[in-house]
Amino acid sequence: MYDFISLVRKRRSIRRYMTDPVPAEMIKACIEAARFAPTACNTQAWRFIIVEGELKERLADKSLGGIVVPNRWASNAPVFVVIATDLDFITHRLGGSIKGIGYHMIDAGIAGEHFILQATELGLGTCWIGWFNKKAVSKVLELPANWEVTAMITVGFPGEAPPDKRRKSLDEISIFKR
């Protein structure tokens, strides 16, 4: 168990995984953490699609191919988690267009980070993938037309220990005004 700042500092983007399967209970614990993420008007419109086995291989082949060659490493992860958002909520359609803010993207991002931090605490590795073919993901997974794919996360037991990244100082990223 980590205190929060230690957990955040421990989290890394893992791009090499062991072949061991990830127990369903660990994935469910991560979804449980994500379930408590705040959402615009409490819509809870995110959906987590857990993809493994042959379907994961097909998803990697169809959604990470072509010009998205840099993410081909992802196919070695035992699990893909696809985050999709049900856009049939007025908050996401009307509110987003009036304010010019993609509330569904914000909601999915917060829930995804909850998922990733829980995975880190459980000893799992993850990597948030933002570069993929959304249409191919929807087609392979046969998602409803009103669901927008917002992210993919690879999950597995880490097969590497990436070095710490250089982070900007607090003074470089914060501005206090009175």
Protein backbone atom coordinates (compact mmCIF):
# COMPACT_ATOMS: atom_id res chain seq x y z
CA MET A 1 0.00 0.00 0.00
CA TYR A 2 1.35 3.41 -0.98
CA ASP A 3 0.53 6.85 0.25
CA PHE A 4 -0.94 8.82 -2.65
CA ILE A 5 2.11 10.82 -3.77
CA SER A 6 4.27 7.67 -3.68
CA LEU A 7 1.69 5.86 -5.80
CA VAL A 8 1.65 8.69 -8.36
CA ARG A 9 5.47 8.74 -8.47
CA LYS A 10 5.60 4.96 -8.93
CA ARG A 11 3.27 4.91 -11.95
CA ARG A 12 5.08 4.49 -15.28
CA SER A 13 4.05 3.82 -18.87
CA ILE A 14 4.87 0.16 -19.39
CA ARG A 15 5.54 -1.02 -22.93
CA ARG A 16 6.85 -4.51 -22.23
CA TYR A 17 4.79 -7.05 -20.33
CA MET A 18 5.21 -10.53 -18.92
CA THR A 19 2.99 -13.14 -20.57
CA ASP A 20 1.15 -14.02 -17.35
CA PRO A 21 -2.62 -13.54 -17.57
CA VAL A 22 -4.14 -10.81 -15.41
CA PRO A 23 -6.70 -12.18 -12.94
CA ALA A 24 -10.22 -10.87 -13.58
CA GLU A 25 -10.47 -9.79 -9.94
CA MET A 26 -7.57 -7.36 -10.43
CA ILE A 27 -9.24 -5.84 -13.50
CA LYS A 28 -12.53 -5.58 -11.58
CA ALA A 29 -10.73 -3.76 -8.74
CA CYS A 30 -9.43 -1.24 -11.27
CA ILE A 31 -12.90 -0.75 -12.75
CA GLU A 32 -14.26 -0.31 -9.23
CA ALA A 33 -11.78 2.53 -8.66
CA ALA A 34 -12.75 4.08 -12.00
CA ARG A 35 -16.44 3.78 -11.14
CA PHE A 36 -15.98 6.38 -8.41
CA ALA A 37 -14.54 9.00 -10.75
CA PRO A 38 -16.56 12.21 -10.96
CA THR A 39 -18.53 12.88 -14.16
CA ALA A 40 -20.38 15.85 -15.61
CA CYS A 41 -23.89 15.83 -14.11
CA ASN A 42 -23.09 12.38 -12.65
CA THR A 43 -23.78 10.78 -16.05
CA GLN A 44 -21.25 7.97 -15.50
CA ALA A 45 -21.31 7.55 -19.28
CA TRP A 46 -17.97 5.75 -19.57
CA ARG A 47 -17.88 2.08 -20.43
CA PHE A 48 -14.90 -0.21 -19.93
CA ILE A 49 -14.49 -2.98 -22.48
CA ILE A 50 -11.95 -5.60 -21.37
CA VAL A 51 -10.34 -7.32 -24.34
CA GLU A 52 -8.15 -10.42 -24.15
CA GLY A 53 -7.04 -13.38 -26.24
CA GLU A 54 -7.74 -13.68 -29.96
CA LEU A 55 -10.02 -10.64 -29.97
CA LYS A 56 -7.22 -8.54 -28.44
CA GLU A 57 -4.88 -9.72 -31.20
CA ARG A 58 -7.41 -8.79 -33.87
CA LEU A 59 -8.03 -5.42 -32.19
CA ALA A 60 -4.28 -4.69 -32.13
CA ASP A 61 -3.94 -5.71 -35.77
CA LYS A 62 -6.85 -3.58 -36.98
CA SER A 63 -6.52 -0.50 -34.75
CA LEU A 64 -2.77 -0.13 -34.30
CA GLY A 65 -1.65 -0.93 -37.84
CA GLY A 66 -1.06 1.37 -40.79
CA ILE A 67 0.46 4.70 -39.87
CA VAL A 68 0.08 3.87 -36.18
CA VAL A 69 3.18 1.65 -36.26
CA PRO A 70 4.73 3.27 -33.14
CA ASN A 71 2.11 1.54 -30.94
CA ARG A 72 2.63 -1.99 -32.30
CA TRP A 73 4.43 -2.81 -29.01
CA ALA A 74 1.00 -2.79 -27.35
CA SER A 75 0.10 -6.18 -28.77
CA ASN A 76 2.40 -7.83 -26.19
CA ALA A 77 0.12 -6.71 -23.33
CA PRO A 78 -2.20 -9.48 -22.09
CA VAL A 79 -5.17 -7.10 -21.74
CA PHE A 80 -6.52 -4.05 -23.56
CA VAL A 81 -9.03 -1.87 -21.79
CA VAL A 82 -11.03 0.27 -24.18
CA ILE A 83 -12.79 3.26 -22.67
CA ALA A 84 -15.85 4.32 -24.63
CA THR A 85 -18.37 7.00 -23.77
CA ASP A 86 -22.11 6.74 -24.31
CA LEU A 87 -22.91 10.04 -26.01
CA ASP A 88 -26.67 9.73 -25.56
CA PHE A 89 -26.52 12.02 -22.53
CA ILE A 90 -27.69 15.62 -22.97
CA THR A 91 -24.71 16.81 -20.91
CA HIS A 92 -22.33 15.42 -23.47
CA ARG A 93 -24.17 16.39 -26.63
CA LEU A 94 -25.80 19.72 -25.83
CA GLY A 95 -23.65 20.92 -22.95
CA GLY A 96 -20.45 20.11 -24.79
CA SER A 97 -21.47 21.95 -27.94
CA ILE A 98 -22.76 25.02 -26.08
CA LYS A 99 -19.64 25.38 -23.94
CA GLY A 100 -17.17 23.97 -26.47
CA ILE A 101 -15.88 21.51 -23.89
CA GLY A 102 -15.69 17.76 -24.46
CA TYR A 103 -17.08 16.77 -21.07
CA HIS A 104 -17.12 13.10 -22.08
CA MET A 105 -13.37 13.25 -22.78
CA ILE A 106 -12.70 14.83 -19.39
CA ASP A 107 -14.87 12.22 -17.68
CA ALA A 108 -13.13 9.36 -19.49
CA GLY A 109 -9.71 10.81 -18.64
CA ILE A 110 -10.47 11.03 -14.93
CA ALA A 111 -11.92 7.51 -14.84
CA GLY A 112 -8.98 6.17 -16.83
CA GLU A 113 -6.50 7.68 -14.40
CA HIS A 114 -8.39 6.16 -11.46
CA PHE A 115 -8.13 2.80 -13.25
CA ILE A 116 -4.40 3.23 -13.89
CA LEU A 117 -3.56 4.29 -10.35
CA GLN A 118 -5.45 1.32 -8.90
CA ALA A 119 -3.59 -0.96 -11.31
CA THR A 120 -0.28 0.51 -10.12
CA GLU A 121 -1.19 -0.14 -6.51
CA LEU A 122 -1.98 -3.76 -7.41
CA GLY A 123 1.42 -4.23 -9.07
CA LEU A 124 0.10 -4.09 -12.63
CA GLY A 125 1.68 -2.09 -15.41
CA THR A 126 -0.34 0.09 -17.77
CA CYS A 127 0.12 2.42 -20.69
CA TRP A 128 -2.45 4.91 -21.88
CA ILE A 129 -2.73 4.77 -25.67
CA GLY A 130 -4.13 7.82 -27.39
CA TRP A 131 -2.99 7.06 -30.95
CA PHE A 132 -5.19 4.39 -32.53
CA ASN A 133 -7.89 4.00 -35.15
CA LYS A 134 -11.18 4.71 -33.33
CA LYS A 135 -13.37 3.47 -36.16
CA ALA A 136 -11.49 0.17 -36.29
CA VAL A 137 -11.86 -0.28 -32.51
CA SER A 138 -15.61 0.34 -32.73
CA LYS A 139 -15.96 -2.06 -35.65
CA VAL A 140 -13.89 -4.90 -34.15
CA LEU A 141 -15.71 -4.63 -30.81
CA GLU A 142 -19.11 -4.07 -32.47
CA LEU A 143 -19.83 -1.06 -30.25
CA PRO A 144 -23.11 0.84 -30.47
CA ALA A 145 -23.09 3.82 -32.85
CA ASN A 146 -23.69 6.26 -29.97
CA TRP A 147 -20.51 5.17 -28.14
CA GLU A 148 -17.33 7.11 -28.81
CA VAL A 149 -14.03 5.34 -28.19
CA THR A 150 -11.94 7.74 -26.13
CA ALA A 151 -8.91 5.73 -24.99
CA MET A 152 -7.17 2.39 -24.86
CA ILE A 153 -5.08 1.20 -21.93
CA THR A 154 -2.72 -1.77 -22.02
CA VAL A 155 -2.62 -3.82 -18.81
CA GLY A 156 -0.37 -6.59 -17.58
CA PHE A 157 2.40 -7.49 -15.21
CA PRO A 158 5.41 -5.27 -16.01
CA GLY A 159 8.23 -6.86 -17.96
CA GLU A 160 10.38 -3.78 -17.53
CA ALA A 161 11.19 -1.10 -14.97
CA PRO A 162 11.37 2.20 -16.87
CA PRO A 163 13.63 4.85 -15.34
CA ASP A 164 12.21 7.87 -13.59
CA LYS A 165 11.29 10.65 -15.95
CA ARG A 166 12.58 14.15 -15.52
CA ARG A 167 9.73 16.29 -14.29
CA LYS A 168 9.57 20.06 -14.41
CA SER A 169 9.88 21.83 -11.07
CA LEU A 170 6.84 23.24 -9.29
CA ASP A 171 8.07 26.74 -10.13
CA GLU A 172 8.09 25.87 -13.85
CA ILE A 173 4.48 24.70 -13.91
CA SER A 174 2.64 26.75 -11.32
CA ILE A 175 1.51 30.35 -11.19
CA PHE A 176 0.05 31.76 -8.00
CA LYS A 177 -1.95 34.97 -8.28
CA ARG A 178 -3.56 37.08 -5.61
